[in-house]
Amino acid sequence: MDTVILVLQIGLAVLFLYFGSLKMFMPIDKIEKRVTWANDYAPSRLKFFGLLEVLGAIGIILPHQLDILPILTPIAATGLARVMAGAAMVHLRRDEIKMILLNIFIIFLLAGIGFNTLLEILGVNLN
């Protein structure tokens, strides 16, 4: 089970680091060409979304793996799940059902990481 959680942590961290970095560092006009919803937000808000994703990516892997304030991992997973819930609402307004399903899938993965890590911190063994 630990291997599955680690793979999920790495995969989601890479995903959020990549897309968060794009939002933070890519010119706004290029972002608007890549995603349809970018026009709905001010450039500063897009950068803020990117920052949240990058910080969340760091938080879902490093505190737990380095055993430095491991409680930050479930907190980061919860924060990223909230970001994805907001993204789902954006896609709902735009009637983009496939993207909503992807957001929900990612939320479930983040919940698994957060829940598993929290149980580990509390010393609960489900085996």
C-alpha atoms as a PDB file:
ATOM      1  CA  MET A   1       0.000   0.000   0.000  1.00  0.00           C
ATOM      2  CA  ASP A   2       2.864   2.381   0.770  1.00  0.00           C
ATOM      3  CA  THR A   3       4.187   1.934  -2.775  1.00  0.00           C
ATOM      4  CA  VAL A   4       0.785   2.799  -4.256  1.00  0.00           C
ATOM      5  CA  ILE A   5       0.551   5.951  -2.137  1.00  0.00           C
ATOM      6  CA  LEU A   6       4.100   6.952  -3.061  1.00  0.00           C
ATOM      7  CA  VAL A   7       3.378   6.484  -6.777  1.00  0.00           C
ATOM      8  CA  LEU A   8       0.200   8.560  -6.412  1.00  0.00           C
ATOM      9  CA  GLN A   9       2.081  11.256  -4.514  1.00  0.00           C
ATOM     10  CA  ILE A  10       4.802  11.467  -7.152  1.00  0.00           C
ATOM     11  CA  GLY A  11       2.355  11.370 -10.058  1.00  0.00           C
ATOM     12  CA  LEU A  12       0.100  14.070  -8.649  1.00  0.00           C
ATOM     13  CA  ALA A  13       3.046  16.177  -7.517  1.00  0.00           C
ATOM     14  CA  VAL A  14       4.486  16.100 -11.049  1.00  0.00           C
ATOM     15  CA  LEU A  15       1.072  16.927 -12.520  1.00  0.00           C
ATOM     16  CA  PHE A  16       0.474  19.898 -10.219  1.00  0.00           C
ATOM     17  CA  LEU A  17       4.063  21.131 -10.498  1.00  0.00           C
ATOM     18  CA  TYR A  18       3.833  21.094 -14.277  1.00  0.00           C
ATOM     19  CA  PHE A  19       0.477  22.822 -14.626  1.00  0.00           C
ATOM     20  CA  GLY A  20       1.120  25.184 -11.729  1.00  0.00           C
ATOM     21  CA  SER A  21       4.462  26.225 -13.218  1.00  0.00           C
ATOM     22  CA  LEU A  22       2.815  26.839 -16.584  1.00  0.00           C
ATOM     23  CA  LYS A  23       0.287  29.166 -14.957  1.00  0.00           C
ATOM     24  CA  MET A  24       2.997  30.954 -12.994  1.00  0.00           C
ATOM     25  CA  PHE A  25       5.616  31.419 -15.704  1.00  0.00           C
ATOM     26  CA  MET A  26       3.971  31.111 -19.118  1.00  0.00           C
ATOM     27  CA  PRO A  27       2.908  34.384 -20.755  1.00  0.00           C
ATOM     28  CA  ILE A  28      -0.808  35.032 -20.341  1.00  0.00           C
ATOM     29  CA  ASP A  29      -1.521  35.067 -24.072  1.00  0.00           C
ATOM     30  CA  LYS A  30      -0.070  31.542 -24.399  1.00  0.00           C
ATOM     31  CA  ILE A  31      -2.111  30.315 -21.440  1.00  0.00           C
ATOM     32  CA  GLU A  32      -5.263  31.721 -23.047  1.00  0.00           C
ATOM     33  CA  LYS A  33      -4.473  29.799 -26.233  1.00  0.00           C
ATOM     34  CA  ARG A  34      -4.079  26.524 -24.309  1.00  0.00           C
ATOM     35  CA  VAL A  35      -7.107  26.639 -22.006  1.00  0.00           C
ATOM     36  CA  THR A  36     -10.502  28.064 -22.802  1.00  0.00           C
ATOM     37  CA  TRP A  37     -11.304  29.230 -19.281  1.00  0.00           C
ATOM     38  CA  ALA A  38      -8.220  31.455 -18.868  1.00  0.00           C
ATOM     39  CA  ASN A  39     -10.089  34.442 -20.337  1.00  0.00           C
ATOM     40  CA  ASP A  40     -12.463  34.313 -17.355  1.00  0.00           C
ATOM     41  CA  TYR A  41      -9.728  35.349 -14.898  1.00  0.00           C
ATOM     42  CA  ALA A  42      -7.302  38.191 -14.387  1.00  0.00           C
ATOM     43  CA  PRO A  43      -3.630  37.312 -15.034  1.00  0.00           C
ATOM     44  CA  SER A  44      -2.830  37.783 -11.334  1.00  0.00           C
ATOM     45  CA  ARG A  45      -5.499  35.245 -10.389  1.00  0.00           C
ATOM     46  CA  LEU A  46      -4.087  32.720 -12.889  1.00  0.00           C
ATOM     47  CA  LYS A  47      -0.639  33.194 -11.338  1.00  0.00           C
ATOM     48  CA  PHE A  48      -2.187  32.698  -7.893  1.00  0.00           C
ATOM     49  CA  PHE A  49      -3.831  29.440  -9.028  1.00  0.00           C
ATOM     50  CA  GLY A  50      -0.421  28.320 -10.293  1.00  0.00           C
ATOM     51  CA  LEU A  51       1.233  29.191  -6.992  1.00  0.00           C
ATOM     52  CA  LEU A  52      -1.376  27.188  -5.071  1.00  0.00           C
ATOM     53  CA  GLU A  53      -0.781  24.198  -7.325  1.00  0.00           C
ATOM     54  CA  VAL A  54       3.013  24.362  -6.966  1.00  0.00           C
ATOM     55  CA  LEU A  55       2.840  24.715  -3.175  1.00  0.00           C
ATOM     56  CA  GLY A  56       0.307  21.875  -3.013  1.00  0.00           C
ATOM     57  CA  ALA A  57       2.548  19.673  -5.164  1.00  0.00           C
ATOM     58  CA  ILE A  58       5.429  20.219  -2.792  1.00  0.00           C
ATOM     59  CA  GLY A  59       3.161  19.644   0.195  1.00  0.00           C
ATOM     60  CA  ILE A  60       1.704  16.322  -0.920  1.00  0.00           C
ATOM     61  CA  ILE A  61       5.095  14.669  -1.104  1.00  0.00           C
ATOM     62  CA  LEU A  62       7.935  16.339   0.812  1.00  0.00           C
ATOM     63  CA  PRO A  63       6.628  16.635   4.406  1.00  0.00           C
ATOM     64  CA  HIS A  64       5.527  12.996   4.499  1.00  0.00           C
ATOM     65  CA  GLN A  65       8.565  11.554   2.729  1.00  0.00           C
ATOM     66  CA  LEU A  66      11.084  13.646   4.683  1.00  0.00           C
ATOM     67  CA  ASP A  67       9.172  13.191   7.966  1.00  0.00           C
ATOM     68  CA  ILE A  68       9.248  16.953   8.544  1.00  0.00           C
ATOM     69  CA  LEU A  69       5.818  18.093   9.765  1.00  0.00           C
ATOM     70  CA  PRO A  70       4.092  15.200   7.984  1.00  0.00           C
ATOM     71  CA  ILE A  71       0.677  16.648   8.926  1.00  0.00           C
ATOM     72  CA  LEU A  72       1.253  19.111   6.075  1.00  0.00           C
ATOM     73  CA  THR A  73       0.735  16.311   3.531  1.00  0.00           C
ATOM     74  CA  PRO A  74      -2.965  15.693   4.290  1.00  0.00           C
ATOM     75  CA  ILE A  75      -3.450  19.461   4.612  1.00  0.00           C
ATOM     76  CA  ALA A  76      -1.878  19.982   1.163  1.00  0.00           C
ATOM     77  CA  ALA A  77      -3.969  17.151  -0.306  1.00  0.00           C
ATOM     78  CA  THR A  78      -7.102  18.785   1.099  1.00  0.00           C
ATOM     79  CA  GLY A  79      -6.068  22.162  -0.305  1.00  0.00           C
ATOM     80  CA  LEU A  80      -5.461  20.717  -3.750  1.00  0.00           C
ATOM     81  CA  ALA A  81      -8.796  18.887  -3.587  1.00  0.00           C
ATOM     82  CA  ARG A  82     -10.435  22.270  -2.946  1.00  0.00           C
ATOM     83  CA  VAL A  83      -8.612  23.732  -5.935  1.00  0.00           C
ATOM     84  CA  MET A  84      -9.904  20.834  -8.039  1.00  0.00           C
ATOM     85  CA  ALA A  85     -13.428  21.342  -6.689  1.00  0.00           C
ATOM     86  CA  GLY A  86     -13.198  24.962  -7.813  1.00  0.00           C
ATOM     87  CA  ALA A  87     -11.941  23.813 -11.194  1.00  0.00           C
ATOM     88  CA  ALA A  88     -14.900  21.445 -11.460  1.00  0.00           C
ATOM     89  CA  MET A  89     -17.241  24.366 -10.829  1.00  0.00           C
ATOM     90  CA  VAL A  90     -15.566  26.346 -13.621  1.00  0.00           C
ATOM     91  CA  HIS A  91     -15.997  23.418 -15.988  1.00  0.00           C
ATOM     92  CA  LEU A  92     -19.599  22.986 -14.857  1.00  0.00           C
ATOM     93  CA  ARG A  93     -20.354  26.583 -15.854  1.00  0.00           C
ATOM     94  CA  ARG A  94     -18.725  25.880 -19.204  1.00  0.00           C
ATOM     95  CA  ASP A  95     -20.580  22.549 -19.611  1.00  0.00           C
ATOM     96  CA  GLU A  96     -17.295  20.598 -19.920  1.00  0.00           C
ATOM     97  CA  ILE A  97     -18.393  17.259 -18.473  1.00  0.00           C
ATOM     98  CA  LYS A  98     -15.214  15.288 -19.279  1.00  0.00           C
ATOM     99  CA  MET A  99     -13.108  17.820 -17.380  1.00  0.00           C
ATOM    100  CA  ILE A 100     -15.469  17.634 -14.393  1.00  0.00           C
ATOM    101  CA  LEU A 101     -15.046  13.855 -14.294  1.00  0.00           C
ATOM    102  CA  LEU A 102     -11.261  14.275 -14.403  1.00  0.00           C
ATOM    103  CA  ASN A 103     -11.426  16.808 -11.554  1.00  0.00           C
ATOM    104  CA  ILE A 104     -13.526  14.408  -9.473  1.00  0.00           C
ATOM    105  CA  PHE A 105     -11.100  11.546 -10.158  1.00  0.00           C
ATOM    106  CA  ILE A 106      -8.160  13.703  -9.022  1.00  0.00           C
ATOM    107  CA  ILE A 107     -10.100  14.731  -5.892  1.00  0.00           C
ATOM    108  CA  PHE A 108     -10.553  11.034  -5.005  1.00  0.00           C
ATOM    109  CA  LEU A 109      -6.833  10.368  -5.490  1.00  0.00           C
ATOM    110  CA  LEU A 110      -5.962  13.346  -3.282  1.00  0.00           C
ATOM    111  CA  ALA A 111      -8.428  12.139  -0.645  1.00  0.00           C
ATOM    112  CA  GLY A 112      -6.730   8.741  -0.663  1.00  0.00           C
ATOM    113  CA  ILE A 113      -3.317  10.318  -0.152  1.00  0.00           C
ATOM    114  CA  GLY A 114      -4.563  12.599   2.598  1.00  0.00           C
ATOM    115  CA  PHE A 115      -6.512   9.895   4.416  1.00  0.00           C
ATOM    116  CA  ASN A 116      -3.719   7.326   4.208  1.00  0.00           C
ATOM    117  CA  THR A 117      -1.110   9.797   5.414  1.00  0.00           C
ATOM    118  CA  LEU A 118      -3.305  10.974   8.270  1.00  0.00           C
ATOM    119  CA  LEU A 119      -3.899   7.386   9.411  1.00  0.00           C
ATOM    120  CA  GLU A 120      -0.148   6.756   9.268  1.00  0.00           C
ATOM    121  CA  ILE A 121       0.541   9.859  11.369  1.00  0.00           C
ATOM    122  CA  LEU A 122      -2.045   8.725  13.919  1.00  0.00           C
ATOM    123  CA  GLY A 123      -0.541   5.239  13.994  1.00  0.00           C
ATOM    124  CA  VAL A 124      -3.683   3.516  12.760  1.00  0.00           C
ATOM    125  CA  ASN A 125      -3.044   0.270  10.879  1.00  0.00           C
ATOM    126  CA  LEU A 126      -5.916  -0.990   8.725  1.00  0.00           C
ATOM    127  CA  ASN A 127      -4.235  -4.323   7.870  1.00  0.00           C
END
